[in-house]
Structure formats: C-alpha cells, structure tokens
PDB file of N, CA and C in Angstrom:
ATOM      1  N   UNK A   1      59.524 157.846  67.293  1.00  0.00           N
ATOM      2  CA  UNK A   1      59.759 156.482  67.641  1.00  0.00           C
ATOM      3  C   UNK A   1      59.688 156.334  69.163  1.00  0.00           C
ATOM      4  N   UNK A   2      58.915 155.389  69.688  1.00  0.00           N
ATOM      5  CA  UNK A   2      58.842 155.251  71.052  1.00  0.00           C
ATOM      6  C   UNK A   2      59.902 154.260  71.559  1.00  0.00           C
ATOM      7  N   UNK A   3      60.133 154.247  72.877  1.00  0.00           N
ATOM      8  CA  UNK A   3      61.211 153.474  73.494  1.00  0.00           C
ATOM      9  C   UNK A   3      61.150 151.971  73.250  1.00  0.00           C
ATOM     10  N   UNK A   4      59.959 151.456  73.370  1.00  0.00           N
ATOM     11  CA  UNK A   4      59.834 149.993  73.152  1.00  0.00           C
ATOM     12  C   UNK A   4      60.159 149.564  71.763  1.00  0.00           C
ATOM     13  N   UNK A   5      59.866 150.292  70.815  1.00  0.00           N
ATOM     14  CA  UNK A   5      60.165 150.026  69.393  1.00  0.00           C
ATOM     15  C   UNK A   5      61.596 150.092  69.120  1.00  0.00           C
ATOM     16  N   UNK A   6      62.247 151.159  69.759  1.00  0.00           N
ATOM     17  CA  UNK A   6      63.711 151.368  69.647  1.00  0.00           C
ATOM     18  C   UNK A   6      64.472 150.183  70.284  1.00  0.00           C
ATOM     19  N   UNK A   7      63.973 149.750  71.408  1.00  0.00           N
ATOM     20  CA  UNK A   7      64.649 148.638  72.172  1.00  0.00           C
ATOM     21  C   UNK A   7      64.613 147.351  71.468  1.00  0.00           C
ATOM     22  N   UNK A   8      63.536 147.002  70.814  1.00  0.00           N
ATOM     23  CA  UNK A   8      63.393 145.749  70.078  1.00  0.00           C
ATOM     24  C   UNK A   8      64.190 145.863  68.797  1.00  0.00           C
ATOM     25  N   UNK A   9      64.256 147.031  68.215  1.00  0.00           N
ATOM     26  CA  UNK A   9      65.082 147.252  67.036  1.00  0.00           C
ATOM     27  C   UNK A   9      66.594 147.114  67.387  1.00  0.00           C
ATOM     28  N   UNK A  10      66.959 147.601  68.480  1.00  0.00           N
ATOM     29  CA  UNK A  10      68.405 147.530  68.940  1.00  0.00           C
ATOM     30  C   UNK A  10      68.760 146.074  69.280  1.00  0.00           C
ATOM     31  N   UNK A  11      67.913 145.291  69.884  1.00  0.00           N
ATOM     32  CA  UNK A  11      68.181 143.911  70.186  1.00  0.00           C
ATOM     33  C   UNK A  11      68.157 143.057  68.878  1.00  0.00           C
ATOM     34  N   UNK A  12      67.209 143.417  68.028  1.00  0.00           N
ATOM     35  CA  UNK A  12      67.134 142.760  66.748  1.00  0.00           C
ATOM     36  C   UNK A  12      68.373 142.921  65.884  1.00  0.00           C
ATOM     37  N   UNK A  13      69.038 144.064  65.990  1.00  0.00           N
ATOM     38  CA  UNK A  13      70.219 144.234  65.180  1.00  0.00           C
ATOM     39  C   UNK A  13      71.461 143.456  65.720  1.00  0.00           C
ATOM     40  N   UNK A  14      71.457 143.147  66.980  1.00  0.00           N
ATOM     41  CA  UNK A  14      72.601 142.416  67.519  1.00  0.00           C
ATOM     42  C   UNK A  14      72.278 140.956  67.736  1.00  0.00           C
ATOM     43  N   UNK A  15      71.123 140.438  67.534  1.00  0.00           N
ATOM     44  CA  UNK A  15      70.794 138.997  67.782  1.00  0.00           C
ATOM     45  C   UNK A  15      71.640 138.068  66.944  1.00  0.00           C
ATOM     46  N   UNK A  16      71.980 138.358  65.659  1.00  0.00           N
ATOM     47  CA  UNK A  16      72.859 137.403  64.942  1.00  0.00           C
ATOM     48  C   UNK A  16      74.250 137.381  65.579  1.00  0.00           C
ATOM     49  N   UNK A  17      74.754 138.456  66.144  1.00  0.00           N
ATOM     50  CA  UNK A  17      76.067 138.398  66.796  1.00  0.00           C
ATOM     51  C   UNK A  17      76.001 137.657  68.169  1.00  0.00           C
ATOM     52  N   UNK A  18      74.850 137.768  68.829  1.00  0.00           N
ATOM     53  CA  UNK A  18      74.699 137.015  70.044  1.00  0.00           C
ATOM     54  C   UNK A  18      74.713 135.482  69.856  1.00  0.00           C
ATOM     55  N   UNK A  19      73.933 135.074  68.732  1.00  0.00           N
ATOM     56  CA  UNK A  19      73.859 133.715  68.336  1.00  0.00           C
ATOM     57  C   UNK A  19      75.277 133.221  67.953  1.00  0.00           C
ATOM     58  N   UNK A  20      75.998 134.048  67.184  1.00  0.00           N
ATOM     59  CA  UNK A  20      77.342 133.644  66.734  1.00  0.00           C
ATOM     60  C   UNK A  20      78.253 133.481  68.045  1.00  0.00           C
ATOM     61  N   UNK A  21      78.125 134.349  68.954  1.00  0.00           N
ATOM     62  CA  UNK A  21      79.052 134.251  70.106  1.00  0.00           C
ATOM     63  C   UNK A  21      78.708 133.051  70.881  1.00  0.00           C
ATOM     64  N   UNK A  22      77.396 132.686  70.988  1.00  0.00           N
ATOM     65  CA  UNK A  22      77.059 131.474  71.816  1.00  0.00           C
ATOM     66  C   UNK A  22      77.506 130.254  71.075  1.00  0.00           C
ATOM     67  N   UNK A  23      77.317 130.142  69.743  1.00  0.00           N
ATOM     68  CA  UNK A  23      77.735 129.048  69.034  1.00  0.00           C
ATOM     69  C   UNK A  23      79.239 128.852  69.043  1.00  0.00           C
ATOM     70  N   UNK A  24      79.995 130.029  68.914  1.00  0.00           N
ATOM     71  CA  UNK A  24      81.419 130.044  68.930  1.00  0.00           C
ATOM     72  C   UNK A  24      81.972 129.505  70.244  1.00  0.00           C
ATOM     73  N   UNK A  25      81.308 129.935  71.309  1.00  0.00           N
ATOM     74  CA  UNK A  25      81.664 129.580  72.683  1.00  0.00           C
ATOM     75  C   UNK A  25      81.445 128.006  72.888  1.00  0.00           C
ATOM     76  N   UNK A  26      80.395 127.542  72.405  1.00  0.00           N
ATOM     77  CA  UNK A  26      80.153 126.087  72.520  1.00  0.00           C
ATOM     78  C   UNK A  26      81.126 125.282  71.720  1.00  0.00           C
ATOM     79  N   UNK A  27      81.428 125.796  70.526  1.00  0.00           N
ATOM     80  CA  UNK A  27      82.482 125.040  69.696  1.00  0.00           C
ATOM     81  C   UNK A  27      83.775 125.059  70.452  1.00  0.00           C
ATOM     82  N   UNK A  28      84.151 126.208  70.936  1.00  0.00           N
ATOM     83  CA  UNK A  28      85.378 126.343  71.601  1.00  0.00           C
ATOM     84  C   UNK A  28      85.510 125.464  72.842  1.00  0.00           C
ATOM     85  N   UNK A  29      84.429 125.378  73.598  1.00  0.00           N
ATOM     86  CA  UNK A  29      84.369 124.530  74.729  1.00  0.00           C
ATOM     87  C   UNK A  29      84.550 123.049  74.357  1.00  0.00           C
ATOM     88  N   UNK A  30      83.858 122.567  73.330  1.00  0.00           N
ATOM     89  CA  UNK A  30      83.992 121.187  72.893  1.00  0.00           C
ATOM     90  C   UNK A  30      85.430 120.845  72.332  1.00  0.00           C
ATOM     91  N   UNK A  31      86.009 121.760  71.705  1.00  0.00           N
ATOM     92  CA  UNK A  31      87.391 121.648  71.119  1.00  0.00           C
ATOM     93  C   UNK A  31      88.325 121.522  72.325  1.00  0.00           C
ATOM     94  N   UNK A  32      88.285 122.360  73.243  1.00  0.00           N
ATOM     95  CA  UNK A  32      89.158 122.441  74.417  1.00  0.00           C
ATOM     96  C   UNK A  32      88.964 121.136  75.243  1.00  0.00           C
ATOM     97  N   UNK A  33      87.739 120.666  75.374  1.00  0.00           N
ATOM     98  CA  UNK A  33      87.448 119.392  76.093  1.00  0.00           C
ATOM     99  C   UNK A  33      88.053 118.222  75.434  1.00  0.00           C
ATOM    100  N   UNK A  34      87.909 118.242  74.096  1.00  0.00           N
ATOM    101  CA  UNK A  34      88.503 117.136  73.231  1.00  0.00           C
ATOM    102  C   UNK A  34      90.001 117.135  73.353  1.00  0.00           C
ATOM    103  N   UNK A  35      90.608 118.291  73.386  1.00  0.00           N
ATOM    104  CA  UNK A  35      92.087 118.306  73.473  1.00  0.00           C
ATOM    105  C   UNK A  35      92.565 117.820  74.823  1.00  0.00           C
ATOM    106  N   UNK A  36      91.817 118.112  75.845  1.00  0.00           N
ATOM    107  CA  UNK A  36      92.208 117.699  77.177  1.00  0.00           C
ATOM    108  C   UNK A  36      92.033 116.148  77.215  1.00  0.00           C
ATOM    109  N   UNK A  37      90.993 115.611  76.728  1.00  0.00           N
ATOM    110  CA  UNK A  37      90.884 114.178  76.705  1.00  0.00           C
ATOM    111  C   UNK A  37      91.873 113.431  75.891  1.00  0.00           C
ATOM    112  N   UNK A  38      92.350 114.118  74.754  1.00  0.00           N
ATOM    113  CA  UNK A  38      93.382 113.548  73.940  1.00  0.00           C
ATOM    114  C   UNK A  38      94.746 113.557  74.591  1.00  0.00           C
ATOM    115  N   UNK A  39      95.014 114.613  75.404  1.00  0.00           N
ATOM    116  CA  UNK A  39      96.247 114.684  76.227  1.00  0.00           C
ATOM    117  C   UNK A  39      96.248 113.647  77.272  1.00  0.00           C
ATOM    118  N   UNK A  40      95.135 113.401  77.938  1.00  0.00           N
ATOM    119  CA  UNK A  40      95.058 112.461  78.968  1.00  0.00           C
ATOM    120  C   UNK A  40      95.251 111.051  78.434  1.00  0.00           C
ATOM    121  N   UNK A  41      94.648 110.736  77.304  1.00  0.00           N
ATOM    122  CA  UNK A  41      94.752 109.399  76.680  1.00  0.00           C
ATOM    123  C   UNK A  41      96.192 109.173  76.182  1.00  0.00           C
ATOM    124  N   UNK A  42      96.833 110.300  75.724  1.00  0.00           N
ATOM    125  CA  UNK A  42      98.187 110.167  75.248  1.00  0.00           C
ATOM    126  C   UNK A  42      99.186 109.955  76.440  1.00  0.00           C
ATOM    127  N   UNK A  43      98.944 110.521  77.553  1.00  0.00           N
ATOM    128  CA  UNK A  43      99.787 110.300  78.775  1.00  0.00           C
ATOM    129  C   UNK A  43      99.630 108.846  79.252  1.00  0.00           C
ATOM    130  N   UNK A  44      98.405 108.385  79.262  1.00  0.00           N
ATOM    131  CA  UNK A  44      98.062 106.981  79.670  1.00  0.00           C
ATOM    132  C   UNK A  44      98.786 105.989  78.707  1.00  0.00           C
ATOM    133  N   UNK A  45      98.727 106.246  77.454  1.00  0.00           N
ATOM    134  CA  UNK A  45      99.432 105.366  76.474  1.00  0.00           C
ATOM    135  C   UNK A  45     100.934 105.413  76.582  1.00  0.00           C
ATOM    136  N   UNK A  46     101.475 106.593  76.885  1.00  0.00           N
ATOM    137  CA  UNK A  46     102.943 106.723  77.110  1.00  0.00           C
ATOM    138  C   UNK A  46     103.366 105.951  78.364  1.00  0.00           C
ATOM    139  N   UNK A  47     102.565 105.999  79.403  1.00  0.00           N
ATOM    140  CA  UNK A  47     102.810 105.227  80.658  1.00  0.00           C
ATOM    141  C   UNK A  47     102.853 103.782  80.334  1.00  0.00           C
ATOM    142  N   UNK A  48     101.877 103.213  79.580  1.00  0.00           N
ATOM    143  CA  UNK A  48     101.762 101.890  79.223  1.00  0.00           C
ATOM    144  C   UNK A  48     102.941 101.449  78.448  1.00  0.00           C
ATOM    145  N   UNK A  49     103.292 102.260  77.412  1.00  0.00           N
ATOM    146  CA  UNK A  49     104.470 101.879  76.531  1.00  0.00           C
ATOM    147  C   UNK A  49     105.821 101.842  77.266  1.00  0.00           C
ATOM    148  N   UNK A  50     105.939 102.802  78.189  1.00  0.00           N
ATOM    149  CA  UNK A  50     107.134 102.911  79.048  1.00  0.00           C
ATOM    150  C   UNK A  50     107.259 101.595  79.934  1.00  0.00           C
ATOM    151  N   UNK A  51     106.188 101.211  80.515  1.00  0.00           N
ATOM    152  CA  UNK A  51     106.285 100.009  81.431  1.00  0.00           C
ATOM    153  C   UNK A  51     106.468  98.782  80.616  1.00  0.00           C
ATOM    154  N   UNK A  52     105.929  98.613  79.403  1.00  0.00           N
ATOM    155  CA  UNK A  52     106.044  97.440  78.591  1.00  0.00           C
ATOM    156  C   UNK A  52     107.409  97.349  78.087  1.00  0.00           C
ATOM    157  N   UNK A  53     108.004  98.517  77.690  1.00  0.00           N
ATOM    158  CA  UNK A  53     109.466  98.418  77.218  1.00  0.00           C
ATOM    159  C   UNK A  53     110.401  97.955  78.325  1.00  0.00           C
ATOM    160  N   UNK A  54     110.148  98.425  79.493  1.00  0.00           N
ATOM    161  CA  UNK A  54     110.994  98.025  80.596  1.00  0.00           C
ATOM    162  C   UNK A  54     110.840  96.490  80.917  1.00  0.00           C
ATOM    163  N   UNK A  55     109.638  95.998  80.881  1.00  0.00           N
ATOM    164  CA  UNK A  55     109.379  94.618  81.123  1.00  0.00           C
ATOM    165  C   UNK A  55     109.955  93.748  80.029  1.00  0.00           C
ATOM    166  N   UNK A  56     109.880  94.228  78.787  1.00  0.00           N
ATOM    167  CA  UNK A  56     110.508  93.394  77.708  1.00  0.00           C
ATOM    168  C   UNK A  56     112.003  93.407  77.864  1.00  0.00           C
ATOM    169  N   UNK A  57     112.660  94.486  78.228  1.00  0.00           N
ATOM    170  CA  UNK A  57     114.081  94.553  78.415  1.00  0.00           C
ATOM    171  C   UNK A  57     114.481  93.583  79.573  1.00  0.00           C
ATOM    172  N   UNK A  58     113.703  93.530  80.652  1.00  0.00           N
ATOM    173  CA  UNK A  58     114.006  92.714  81.831  1.00  0.00           C
ATOM    174  C   UNK A  58     113.917  91.279  81.370  1.00  0.00           C
ATOM    175  N   UNK A  59     112.893  90.978  80.641  1.00  0.00           N
ATOM    176  CA  UNK A  59     112.720  89.517  80.189  1.00  0.00           C
ATOM    177  C   UNK A  59     113.822  89.093  79.206  1.00  0.00           C
ATOM    178  N   UNK A  60     114.257  89.997  78.304  1.00  0.00           N
ATOM    179  CA  UNK A  60     115.342  89.735  77.379  1.00  0.00           C
ATOM    180  C   UNK A  60     116.608  89.548  78.220  1.00  0.00           C
ATOM    181  N   UNK A  61     116.801  90.364  79.225  1.00  0.00           N
ATOM    182  CA  UNK A  61     118.061  90.170  80.086  1.00  0.00           C
ATOM    183  C   UNK A  61     118.007  88.857  80.719  1.00  0.00           C
ATOM    184  N   UNK A  62     116.836  88.433  81.236  1.00  0.00           N
ATOM    185  CA  UNK A  62     116.841  87.172  81.948  1.00  0.00           C
ATOM    186  C   UNK A  62     117.047  85.969  80.953  1.00  0.00           C
ATOM    187  N   UNK A  63     116.507  86.137  79.739  1.00  0.00           N
ATOM    188  CA  UNK A  63     116.680  85.088  78.700  1.00  0.00           C
ATOM    189  C   UNK A  63     118.124  84.919  78.351  1.00  0.00           C
ATOM    190  N   UNK A  64     118.795  86.035  78.180  1.00  0.00           N
ATOM    191  CA  UNK A  64     120.201  85.966  77.752  1.00  0.00           C
ATOM    192  C   UNK A  64     121.215  85.652  78.792  1.00  0.00           C
ATOM    193  N   UNK A  65     120.944  86.072  80.061  1.00  0.00           N
ATOM    194  CA  UNK A  65     122.004  85.967  81.112  1.00  0.00           C
ATOM    195  C   UNK A  65     121.569  84.978  82.251  1.00  0.00           C
ATOM    196  N   UNK A  66     120.326  84.712  82.301  1.00  0.00           N
ATOM    197  CA  UNK A  66     119.860  83.797  83.314  1.00  0.00           C
ATOM    198  C   UNK A  66     119.602  84.454  84.697  1.00  0.00           C
ATOM    199  N   UNK A  67     119.646  85.791  84.678  1.00  0.00           N
ATOM    200  CA  UNK A  67     119.324  86.477  85.862  1.00  0.00           C
ATOM    201  C   UNK A  67     118.718  87.851  85.434  1.00  0.00           C
ATOM    202  N   UNK A  68     117.919  88.400  86.375  1.00  0.00           N
ATOM    203  CA  UNK A  68     117.279  89.694  86.117  1.00  0.00           C
ATOM    204  C   UNK A  68     118.231  90.781  86.363  1.00  0.00           C
ATOM    205  N   UNK A  69     118.107  91.963  85.613  1.00  0.00           N
ATOM    206  CA  UNK A  69     119.077  93.081  85.806  1.00  0.00           C
ATOM    207  C   UNK A  69     119.014  93.535  87.227  1.00  0.00           C
ATOM    208  N   UNK A  70     120.236  93.951  87.774  1.00  0.00           N
ATOM    209  CA  UNK A  70     120.280  94.382  89.179  1.00  0.00           C
ATOM    210  C   UNK A  70     119.660  95.710  89.480  1.00  0.00           C
ATOM    211  N   UNK A  71     119.537  96.644  88.365  1.00  0.00           N
ATOM    212  CA  UNK A  71     119.003  97.965  88.640  1.00  0.00           C
ATOM    213  C   UNK A  71     118.429  98.514  87.255  1.00  0.00           C
ATOM    214  N   UNK A  72     117.617  99.523  87.453  1.00  0.00           N
ATOM    215  CA  UNK A  72     117.041 100.272  86.323  1.00  0.00           C
ATOM    216  C   UNK A  72     118.219 100.899  85.540  1.00  0.00           C
ATOM    217  N   UNK A  73     119.176 101.378  86.205  1.00  0.00           N
ATOM    218  CA  UNK A  73     120.322 102.024  85.502  1.00  0.00           C
ATOM    219  C   UNK A  73     121.037 101.070  84.680  1.00  0.00           C
ATOM    220  N   UNK A  74     121.170  99.831  85.063  1.00  0.00           N
ATOM    221  CA  UNK A  74     121.822  98.709  84.224  1.00  0.00           C
ATOM    222  C   UNK A  74     120.923  98.577  82.942  1.00  0.00           C
ATOM    223  N   UNK A  75     119.630  98.575  83.121  1.00  0.00           N
ATOM    224  CA  UNK A  75     118.719  98.447  81.867  1.00  0.00           C
ATOM    225  C   UNK A  75     118.985  99.568  80.984  1.00  0.00           C
ATOM    226  N   UNK A  76     119.052 100.830  81.449  1.00  0.00           N
ATOM    227  CA  UNK A  76     119.262 101.966  80.642  1.00  0.00           C
ATOM    228  C   UNK A  76     120.605 101.876  79.842  1.00  0.00           C
ATOM    229  N   UNK A  77     121.649 101.500  80.594  1.00  0.00           N
ATOM    230  CA  UNK A  77     122.961 101.362  79.957  1.00  0.00           C
ATOM    231  C   UNK A  77     123.111 100.262  78.925  1.00  0.00           C
ATOM    232  N   UNK A  78     122.486  99.074  79.227  1.00  0.00           N
ATOM    233  CA  UNK A  78     122.794  97.891  78.410  1.00  0.00           C
ATOM    234  C   UNK A  78     121.652  97.554  77.489  1.00  0.00           C
ATOM    235  N   UNK A  79     120.517  98.047  77.698  1.00  0.00           N
ATOM    236  CA  UNK A  79     119.358  97.670  76.845  1.00  0.00           C
ATOM    237  C   UNK A  79     118.713  98.842  76.160  1.00  0.00           C
ATOM    238  N   UNK A  80     119.367 100.039  76.121  1.00  0.00           N
ATOM    239  CA  UNK A  80     118.948 101.184  75.461  1.00  0.00           C
ATOM    240  C   UNK A  80     117.489 101.606  75.835  1.00  0.00           C
ATOM    241  N   UNK A  81     117.185 101.484  77.007  1.00  0.00           N
ATOM    242  CA  UNK A  81     115.871 101.974  77.519  1.00  0.00           C
ATOM    243  C   UNK A  81     115.893 103.482  77.673  1.00  0.00           C
ATOM    244  N   UNK A  82     114.988 104.109  77.016  1.00  0.00           N
ATOM    245  CA  UNK A  82     114.904 105.571  77.095  1.00  0.00           C
ATOM    246  C   UNK A  82     113.477 106.014  77.656  1.00  0.00           C
ATOM    247  N   UNK A  83     113.535 106.482  78.861  1.00  0.00           N
ATOM    248  CA  UNK A  83     112.289 106.945  79.502  1.00  0.00           C
ATOM    249  C   UNK A  83     112.437 108.389  79.806  1.00  0.00           C
ATOM    250  N   UNK A  84     111.437 109.150  79.440  1.00  0.00           N
ATOM    251  CA  UNK A  84     111.444 110.645  79.773  1.00  0.00           C
ATOM    252  C   UNK A  84     111.149 110.653  81.368  1.00  0.00           C
ATOM    253  N   UNK A  85     112.285 110.946  82.088  1.00  0.00           N
ATOM    254  CA  UNK A  85     112.267 110.896  83.524  1.00  0.00           C
ATOM    255  C   UNK A  85     111.640 112.237  84.006  1.00  0.00           C
ATOM    256  N   UNK A  86     111.312 113.218  83.167  1.00  0.00           N
ATOM    257  CA  UNK A  86     110.626 114.420  83.632  1.00  0.00           C
ATOM    258  C   UNK A  86     109.093 114.098  83.596  1.00  0.00           C
ATOM    259  N   UNK A  87     108.673 113.029  82.821  1.00  0.00           N
ATOM    260  CA  UNK A  87     107.267 112.694  82.772  1.00  0.00           C
ATOM    261  C   UNK A  87     106.953 111.497  83.594  1.00  0.00           C
ATOM    262  N   UNK A  88     107.915 110.607  83.774  1.00  0.00           N
ATOM    263  CA  UNK A  88     107.590 109.293  84.450  1.00  0.00           C
ATOM    264  C   UNK A  88     108.630 109.008  85.498  1.00  0.00           C
ATOM    265  N   UNK A  89     108.172 108.303  86.539  1.00  0.00           N
ATOM    266  CA  UNK A  89     109.016 107.857  87.632  1.00  0.00           C
ATOM    267  C   UNK A  89     109.009 106.343  87.613  1.00  0.00           C
ATOM    268  N   UNK A  90     110.121 105.739  87.589  1.00  0.00           N
ATOM    269  CA  UNK A  90     110.254 104.269  87.514  1.00  0.00           C
ATOM    270  C   UNK A  90     110.696 103.756  88.842  1.00  0.00           C
ATOM    271  N   UNK A  91     109.930 102.773  89.406  1.00  0.00           N
ATOM    272  CA  UNK A  91     110.283 102.084  90.607  1.00  0.00           C
ATOM    273  C   UNK A  91     110.622 100.699  90.232  1.00  0.00           C
ATOM    274  N   UNK A  92     111.915 100.390  90.408  1.00  0.00           N
ATOM    275  CA  UNK A  92     112.412  99.045  89.972  1.00  0.00           C
ATOM    276  C   UNK A  92     112.930  98.380  91.289  1.00  0.00           C
ATOM    277  N   UNK A  93     112.259  97.451  91.786  1.00  0.00           N
ATOM    278  CA  UNK A  93     112.614  96.780  93.050  1.00  0.00           C
ATOM    279  C   UNK A  93     112.893  95.274  92.836  1.00  0.00           C
ATOM    280  N   UNK A  94     114.142  94.884  93.012  1.00  0.00           N
ATOM    281  CA  UNK A  94     114.558  93.520  92.845  1.00  0.00           C
ATOM    282  C   UNK A  94     114.860  92.913  94.149  1.00  0.00           C
ATOM    283  N   UNK A  95     114.233  91.677  94.262  1.00  0.00           N
ATOM    284  CA  UNK A  95     114.367  90.865  95.568  1.00  0.00           C
ATOM    285  C   UNK A  95     115.576  89.942  95.413  1.00  0.00           C
ATOM    286  N   UNK A  96     115.646  89.211  94.263  1.00  0.00           N
ATOM    287  CA  UNK A  96     116.723  88.263  94.049  1.00  0.00           C
ATOM    288  C   UNK A  96     116.864  88.202  92.568  1.00  0.00           C
ATOM    289  N   UNK A  97     118.076  87.732  92.120  1.00  0.00           N
ATOM    290  CA  UNK A  97     118.422  87.793  90.704  1.00  0.00           C
ATOM    291  C   UNK A  97     117.571  86.728  89.858  1.00  0.00           C
ATOM    292  N   UNK A  98     116.986  85.825  90.571  1.00  0.00           N
ATOM    293  CA  UNK A  98     116.119  84.785  89.864  1.00  0.00           C
ATOM    294  C   UNK A  98     114.558  84.996  90.001  1.00  0.00           C
ATOM    295  N   UNK A  99     114.187  86.127  90.617  1.00  0.00           N
ATOM    296  CA  UNK A  99     112.745  86.481  90.765  1.00  0.00           C
ATOM    297  C   UNK A  99     112.487  87.744  90.100  1.00  0.00           C
ATOM    298  N   UNK A 100     111.484  87.750  89.251  1.00  0.00           N
ATOM    299  CA  UNK A 100     111.022  88.901  88.470  1.00  0.00           C
ATOM    300  C   UNK A 100     110.913  90.112  89.351  1.00  0.00           C
ATOM    301  N   UNK A 101     111.571  91.221  89.020  1.00  0.00           N
ATOM    302  CA  UNK A 101     111.491  92.441  89.794  1.00  0.00           C
ATOM    303  C   UNK A 101     110.185  93.060  89.816  1.00  0.00           C
ATOM    304  N   UNK A 102     109.799  93.921  90.791  1.00  0.00           N
ATOM    305  CA  UNK A 102     108.601  94.664  90.741  1.00  0.00           C
ATOM    306  C   UNK A 102     108.880  95.935  89.903  1.00  0.00           C
ATOM    307  N   UNK A 103     108.102  96.162  88.906  1.00  0.00           N
ATOM    308  CA  UNK A 103     108.293  97.296  88.036  1.00  0.00           C
ATOM    309  C   UNK A 103     107.051  98.201  88.059  1.00  0.00           C
ATOM    310  N   UNK A 104     107.180  99.389  88.571  1.00  0.00           N
ATOM    311  CA  UNK A 104     106.068 100.355  88.634  1.00  0.00           C
ATOM    312  C   UNK A 104     106.463 101.610  87.918  1.00  0.00           C
ATOM    313  N   UNK A 105     105.719 102.040  86.983  1.00  0.00           N
ATOM    314  CA  UNK A 105     105.959 103.325  86.305  1.00  0.00           C
ATOM    315  C   UNK A 105     104.787 104.235  86.610  1.00  0.00           C
ATOM    316  N   UNK A 106     105.174 105.455  87.120  1.00  0.00           N
ATOM    317  CA  UNK A 106     104.199 106.412  87.553  1.00  0.00           C
ATOM    318  C   UNK A 106     104.340 107.716  86.844  1.00  0.00           C
ATOM    319  N   UNK A 107     103.325 108.531  86.746  1.00  0.00           N
ATOM    320  CA  UNK A 107     103.435 109.879  86.113  1.00  0.00           C
ATOM    321  C   UNK A 107     104.129 110.776  87.225  1.00  0.00           C
ATOM    322  N   UNK A 108     105.073 111.534  86.808  1.00  0.00           N
ATOM    323  CA  UNK A 108     105.727 112.540  87.592  1.00  0.00           C
ATOM    324  C   UNK A 108     104.850 113.755  87.620  1.00  0.00           C
ATOM    325  N   UNK A 109     104.557 114.302  88.756  1.00  0.00           N
ATOM    326  CA  UNK A 109     103.572 115.435  88.874  1.00  0.00           C
ATOM    327  C   UNK A 109     104.265 116.648  89.278  1.00  0.00           C
TER     328      UNK A 109
END
C-alpha cells in the first residue's frame, strides 16, 4: 500500500466525524445565539414592566389622594411595588406634589 492511498483511506474513515463535528458546532452556535437574544429580550421586557408598574402606582396615588407620591420608598410601602433592585435602578425625581414625577428605570450593571 503506498502512502497516498493510505492517506486518502485515513481521511475517508474520519470524514463522517468531521462533518458531524462541524454540524454540531453550527447547531451549538445557533442555540447559544438564540439563548442570548432571548435573555436580552427578557431583560428589556422586565425593564418595561417595572417602569409601567411604577407609573400605574403613581397615577393611582394621584387619583386617590390628589398628589403624587413623595418618594419611591412611599410607593413600595403603600402600593406594593416590588422591583428587583439587583437588576434595576429606579430614579424617581419629584418636583412638586401636583406635577408628574420623572420616573426612569435602568438596568443595574
């Protein structure tokens, strides 16, 4: 048996494994990419839900008392607002009791 015949036979024996490894790597890449996109979308949705729940509580407070809540802590105590403060930072800035406060919810990094 000459060397060229041995070499092609050697590669021929492993070619199904090489194809399998390439396909498996591509599938793994697409799965991991999809998981990352899902996590990003989930974080964005959580941010939107947190901000909307704070705004609803602020509006409910104004509707029932005639003034906006003085602080975010007041909202947490009296309106059962639950925000994961490890994931989100809430900036609640009130100018006057009759003017809608600035509410900004950011991701904690």
